[in-house]
Protein backbone atom coordinates (compact mmCIF):
# COMPACT_ATOMS: atom_id res chain seq x y z
CA MET A 1 -0.03 0.00 -0.10
CA ALA A 2 1.54 3.36 -1.07
CA SER A 3 1.44 6.07 1.16
CA GLN A 4 2.53 9.92 0.56
CA GLU A 5 1.96 11.00 4.00
CA ARG A 6 5.48 11.54 6.14
CA ILE A 7 6.18 8.14 7.85
CA ALA A 8 8.57 7.04 10.44
CA PHE A 9 9.57 3.95 11.94
CA VAL A 10 10.79 3.93 15.60
CA THR A 11 12.65 0.72 17.50
CA GLY A 12 11.77 0.05 20.81
CA SER A 13 8.59 2.39 21.09
CA GLY A 14 6.73 0.18 23.35
CA ARG A 15 8.15 2.19 26.48
CA ARG A 16 9.98 5.28 27.69
CA LEU A 17 11.81 7.16 25.33
CA GLY A 18 10.87 5.39 22.35
CA ARG A 19 7.29 5.78 23.17
CA GLN A 20 7.66 9.37 23.65
CA ILE A 21 9.55 9.86 20.65
CA ALA A 22 6.70 8.13 18.72
CA TYR A 23 4.02 10.72 20.44
CA ALA A 24 6.25 13.76 19.25
CA LEU A 25 6.54 12.56 15.80
CA ALA A 26 2.59 11.99 15.65
CA GLY A 27 2.29 15.39 16.99
CA ALA A 28 4.66 16.71 14.22
CA GLY A 29 2.43 15.33 11.55
CA TYR A 30 3.94 11.73 11.06
CA ASP A 31 2.21 8.66 10.71
CA VAL A 32 4.15 5.99 13.20
CA ILE A 33 5.35 2.52 12.41
CA LEU A 34 5.93 1.18 15.84
CA HIS A 35 7.92 -1.72 17.22
CA ALA A 36 8.49 -3.69 20.35
CA HIS A 37 9.90 -7.18 21.22
CA GLU A 38 8.63 -7.44 24.92
CA SER A 39 6.54 -4.25 25.44
CA THR A 40 3.82 -5.19 23.10
CA ASP A 41 1.19 -4.04 25.74
CA GLY A 42 2.82 -0.66 25.77
CA MET A 43 3.43 -0.58 22.09
CA ARG A 44 -0.55 -1.25 21.39
CA GLU A 45 -1.52 1.33 23.76
CA ALA A 46 0.84 3.89 22.25
CA ALA A 47 -0.54 2.92 18.78
CA ALA A 48 -3.99 3.71 20.16
CA HIS A 49 -3.04 6.94 21.70
CA ILE A 50 -1.46 7.82 18.21
CA ARG A 51 -4.72 6.86 16.65
CA GLU A 52 -6.83 9.27 18.84
CA THR A 53 -4.82 12.10 17.78
CA GLY A 54 -5.74 11.55 13.80
CA ARG A 55 -2.24 9.95 12.69
CA LYS A 56 -1.97 6.38 11.44
CA ALA A 57 0.01 4.20 13.69
CA HIS A 58 1.23 0.48 12.66
CA PRO A 59 2.47 -1.70 15.70
CA LEU A 60 4.91 -4.54 14.84
CA THR A 61 6.89 -6.92 16.80
CA GLY A 62 10.27 -8.64 16.27
CA ASP A 63 13.52 -9.44 18.18
CA LEU A 64 16.18 -7.04 17.01
CA ARG A 65 18.72 -9.69 17.95
CA GLN A 66 17.85 -11.85 15.00
CA LEU A 67 18.44 -10.87 11.68
CA GLU A 68 15.34 -12.93 10.28
CA ASP A 69 13.29 -10.88 12.48
CA ILE A 70 14.90 -7.57 11.00
CA ARG A 71 14.37 -8.64 7.58
CA ALA A 72 10.75 -9.71 8.26
CA LEU A 73 10.35 -6.10 9.80
CA GLY A 74 11.50 -4.59 6.75
CA THR A 75 9.22 -6.97 4.58
CA ALA A 76 5.97 -5.49 6.80
CA ILE A 77 7.02 -1.98 6.41
CA ALA A 78 7.54 -2.21 2.76
CA GLY A 79 3.81 -3.52 2.80
CA ILE A 80 2.78 -0.48 4.58
CA THR A 81 4.51 2.43 2.65
CA ASP A 82 6.77 2.65 -0.40
CA GLY A 83 8.93 5.23 1.30
CA LEU A 84 10.14 6.03 4.70
CA ASP A 85 10.90 9.73 5.75
CA LEU A 86 12.59 8.49 9.15
CA LEU A 87 14.06 5.95 10.71
CA VAL A 88 15.02 5.80 14.47
CA ASN A 89 17.18 3.30 15.69
CA ASN A 90 16.18 3.76 19.45
CA ALA A 91 15.75 0.19 20.87
CA GLY A 92 18.46 -0.59 23.26
CA VAL A 93 19.43 -2.43 26.65
CA PHE A 94 21.42 -1.22 29.50
CA PRO A 95 22.94 -4.50 31.13
CA GLY A 96 25.08 -3.75 34.35
CA ALA A 97 27.65 -6.04 35.68
CA ALA A 98 31.12 -5.79 37.32
CA PHE A 99 34.22 -6.36 35.37
CA GLU A 100 34.58 -9.61 36.98
CA ASP A 101 30.74 -10.64 36.49
CA VAL A 102 30.35 -9.81 32.70
CA THR A 103 29.41 -13.01 31.03
CA GLU A 104 29.19 -13.64 27.51
CA GLU A 105 25.53 -13.45 27.15
CA ILE A 106 25.60 -9.86 28.68
CA TRP A 107 28.13 -8.69 26.42
CA ASP A 108 26.40 -10.23 22.97
CA LEU A 109 23.01 -8.84 24.51
CA ALA A 110 24.56 -5.09 24.27
CA GLN A 111 26.41 -5.30 21.15
CA ASP A 112 23.16 -7.17 19.48
CA VAL A 113 20.67 -4.91 20.54
CA ASN A 114 22.39 -1.66 20.60
CA VAL A 115 24.61 -1.71 17.58
CA LYS A 116 24.10 -4.77 15.33
CA SER A 117 20.77 -4.02 15.02
CA TYR A 118 21.11 -0.54 14.16
CA PHE A 119 23.22 -1.65 11.21
CA PHE A 120 21.06 -4.27 10.03
CA MET A 121 17.78 -2.30 10.26
CA THR A 122 19.30 0.66 8.38
CA GLN A 123 20.78 -1.81 5.61
CA THR A 124 17.32 -3.34 5.47
CA LEU A 125 15.23 -0.12 5.02
CA ALA A 126 17.76 1.87 3.04
CA PRO A 127 15.79 1.45 -0.43
CA LEU A 128 12.85 2.95 1.44
CA LEU A 129 14.74 5.57 2.90
CA ARG A 130 16.39 6.30 -0.26
CA ALA A 131 12.83 6.53 -2.09
CA ARG A 132 12.18 9.52 0.29
CA LYS A 133 15.38 10.91 0.73
CA GLY A 134 14.82 10.39 4.17
CA CYS A 135 17.23 10.20 7.31
CA VAL A 136 18.22 7.95 9.94
CA VAL A 137 18.49 8.89 13.89
CA ASN A 138 20.65 6.74 16.03
CA MET A 139 20.33 6.65 19.78
CA ALA A 140 23.87 6.74 21.04
CA SER A 141 24.63 7.70 24.42
CA ALA A 142 26.70 10.16 26.90
CA GLY A 143 27.97 6.27 28.01
CA GLY A 144 29.91 5.98 24.21
CA PHE A 145 32.41 8.96 25.55
CA GLU A 146 32.60 8.28 29.25
CA PRO A 147 33.48 5.00 30.76
CA TRP A 148 31.34 3.41 33.53
CA LYS A 149 32.79 0.74 35.48
CA LYS A 150 29.57 -1.41 35.81
CA HIS A 151 28.25 -1.08 32.20
CA ILE A 152 31.53 -1.71 29.97
CA PRO A 153 29.67 -3.68 27.41
CA TYR A 154 26.88 -0.78 27.01
CA ASN A 155 29.92 1.53 26.70
CA VAL A 156 31.36 -0.35 23.93
CA SER A 157 27.87 -0.91 22.20
CA LYS A 158 27.12 2.99 22.08
CA ALA A 159 30.64 3.96 21.23
CA GLY A 160 30.08 1.59 18.40
CA VAL A 161 26.84 3.43 17.52
CA VAL A 162 28.94 6.74 17.13
CA MET A 163 31.24 5.18 14.55
CA LEU A 164 28.24 3.40 12.78
CA THR A 165 26.43 6.83 12.42
CA ARG A 166 29.57 8.44 10.86
CA ALA A 167 30.15 5.38 8.64
CA LEU A 168 26.41 5.24 7.39
CA ALA A 169 26.24 9.13 6.67
CA LYS A 170 29.24 8.46 4.05
CA VAL A 171 27.65 5.10 2.73
CA LEU A 172 24.21 6.77 2.36
CA ALA A 173 25.01 10.37 1.33
CA PRO A 174 23.62 11.99 -0.46
CA ASP A 175 20.19 10.61 -0.52
CA VAL A 176 19.85 9.75 3.32
CA ARG A 177 21.01 11.77 6.10
CA VAL A 178 22.62 9.76 9.34
CA ASN A 179 22.97 11.50 12.59
CA ALA A 180 23.00 10.45 16.26
CA ILE A 181 22.04 11.76 19.68
CA ALA A 182 23.94 10.95 22.80
CA PRO A 183 21.79 11.57 25.80
CA GLY A 184 22.94 12.04 29.47
CA VAL A 185 20.11 11.01 32.09
CA ILE A 186 16.80 11.76 30.23
CA VAL A 187 13.95 11.76 32.70
CA ILE A 188 10.23 10.79 31.51
CA PRO A 189 6.97 11.48 33.50
CA GLY A 190 6.91 8.93 36.36
CA GLU A 191 10.42 8.56 36.71
CA GLU A 192 11.36 11.45 38.82
CA VAL A 193 11.32 9.17 42.12
CA LEU A 194 14.02 6.73 40.63
CA ASP A 195 17.55 7.17 41.70
CA HIS A 196 19.56 8.98 39.41
CA ILE A 197 23.07 10.81 39.80
CA PRO A 198 22.78 14.16 41.14
CA ALA A 199 21.52 16.93 38.70
CA ASP A 200 23.86 19.50 39.85
CA ARG A 201 26.37 17.22 38.22
CA PHE A 202 25.54 18.63 35.04
CA PRO A 203 26.18 22.28 34.17
CA MET A 204 22.59 22.74 33.15
CA LYS A 205 21.67 21.63 36.93
CA ARG A 206 18.79 19.60 35.69
CA TYR A 207 17.98 16.17 33.90
CA GLY A 208 16.92 16.14 30.21
CA SER A 209 13.44 15.46 29.96
CA ALA A 210 11.38 13.67 27.34
CA GLN A 211 10.57 16.87 25.51
CA ASP A 212 14.38 17.91 25.17
CA LEU A 213 14.70 14.32 23.33
CA SER A 214 11.83 14.65 21.22
CA ASP A 215 12.76 18.18 20.11
CA THR A 216 16.18 17.21 19.03
CA VAL A 217 14.75 14.13 17.14
CA LEU A 218 12.74 16.63 15.13
CA PHE A 219 15.69 18.79 14.65
CA LEU A 220 17.71 15.89 13.12
CA ALA A 221 14.80 14.91 11.13
CA GLN A 222 13.92 18.00 9.59
CA GLY A 223 15.84 21.15 11.03
CA ASN A 224 18.75 21.03 8.60
CA SER A 225 19.10 19.17 5.37
CA TYR A 226 22.78 19.48 5.15
CA LEU A 227 23.53 18.12 8.69
CA THR A 228 24.85 14.51 8.44
CA GLY A 229 27.41 12.47 10.19
CA HIS A 230 26.69 14.41 13.36
CA ILE A 231 26.80 13.22 16.76
CA LEU A 232 24.61 15.59 18.91
CA PRO A 233 25.34 15.55 22.92
CA LEU A 234 22.04 15.84 24.64
CA ALA A 235 23.56 15.70 28.19
CA GLY A 236 23.10 19.21 29.84
CA GLY A 237 26.86 20.25 28.98
CA SER A 238 28.45 17.17 30.74
CA ILE A 239 30.15 15.98 27.54
CA ALA A 240 31.46 17.92 24.61
CA ILE A 241 32.80 16.56 21.22
């Protein structure tokens, strides 16, 4: 089925940041293809909310650790639209373990979800992105620049997203722009009571919000048609690259 509306695909959009990004994109006039692996109830709730705003929502499921699931998602998306304006590679895991306790399973989980899936999802959807001269926004992290003793596999995976973003920007230019966001602590509604590092450790003296992140996604998606290969820190001044 062909679509002439602006359409975005957000991985990991059944919860937290991905869900907030999907809502913001719908509010900006995008129809949204949502994805979840385990958070399927949240994804369906998000789809219902988006439809209530008058935009279309298409929920899809898949395990991004598995290449066959990524390819199947690509086939399903091609059945929804003949072109994709935006891919947000947002799905991620945050395994924590001391150096001595890191297992092969923990290591592989971080690399498979946080960086390998970004490459193969972009590879799979490249024809649809090229058809619309669309763009890709990858979710990196402040942890791609700062080592955290109990999150080494995560740090390595997010550093991989930084290099992957730069490489994909060169490979897919000039038709498709590829950028990334490197957030610090982003607190969404309901998480204010969780234990975070002190806000006064950030030069901006506060945590990032879902609005901060969504605004940055929208800026990279449609704010500058000459910007590609850029990693945009969103950490209140705590990292500078």
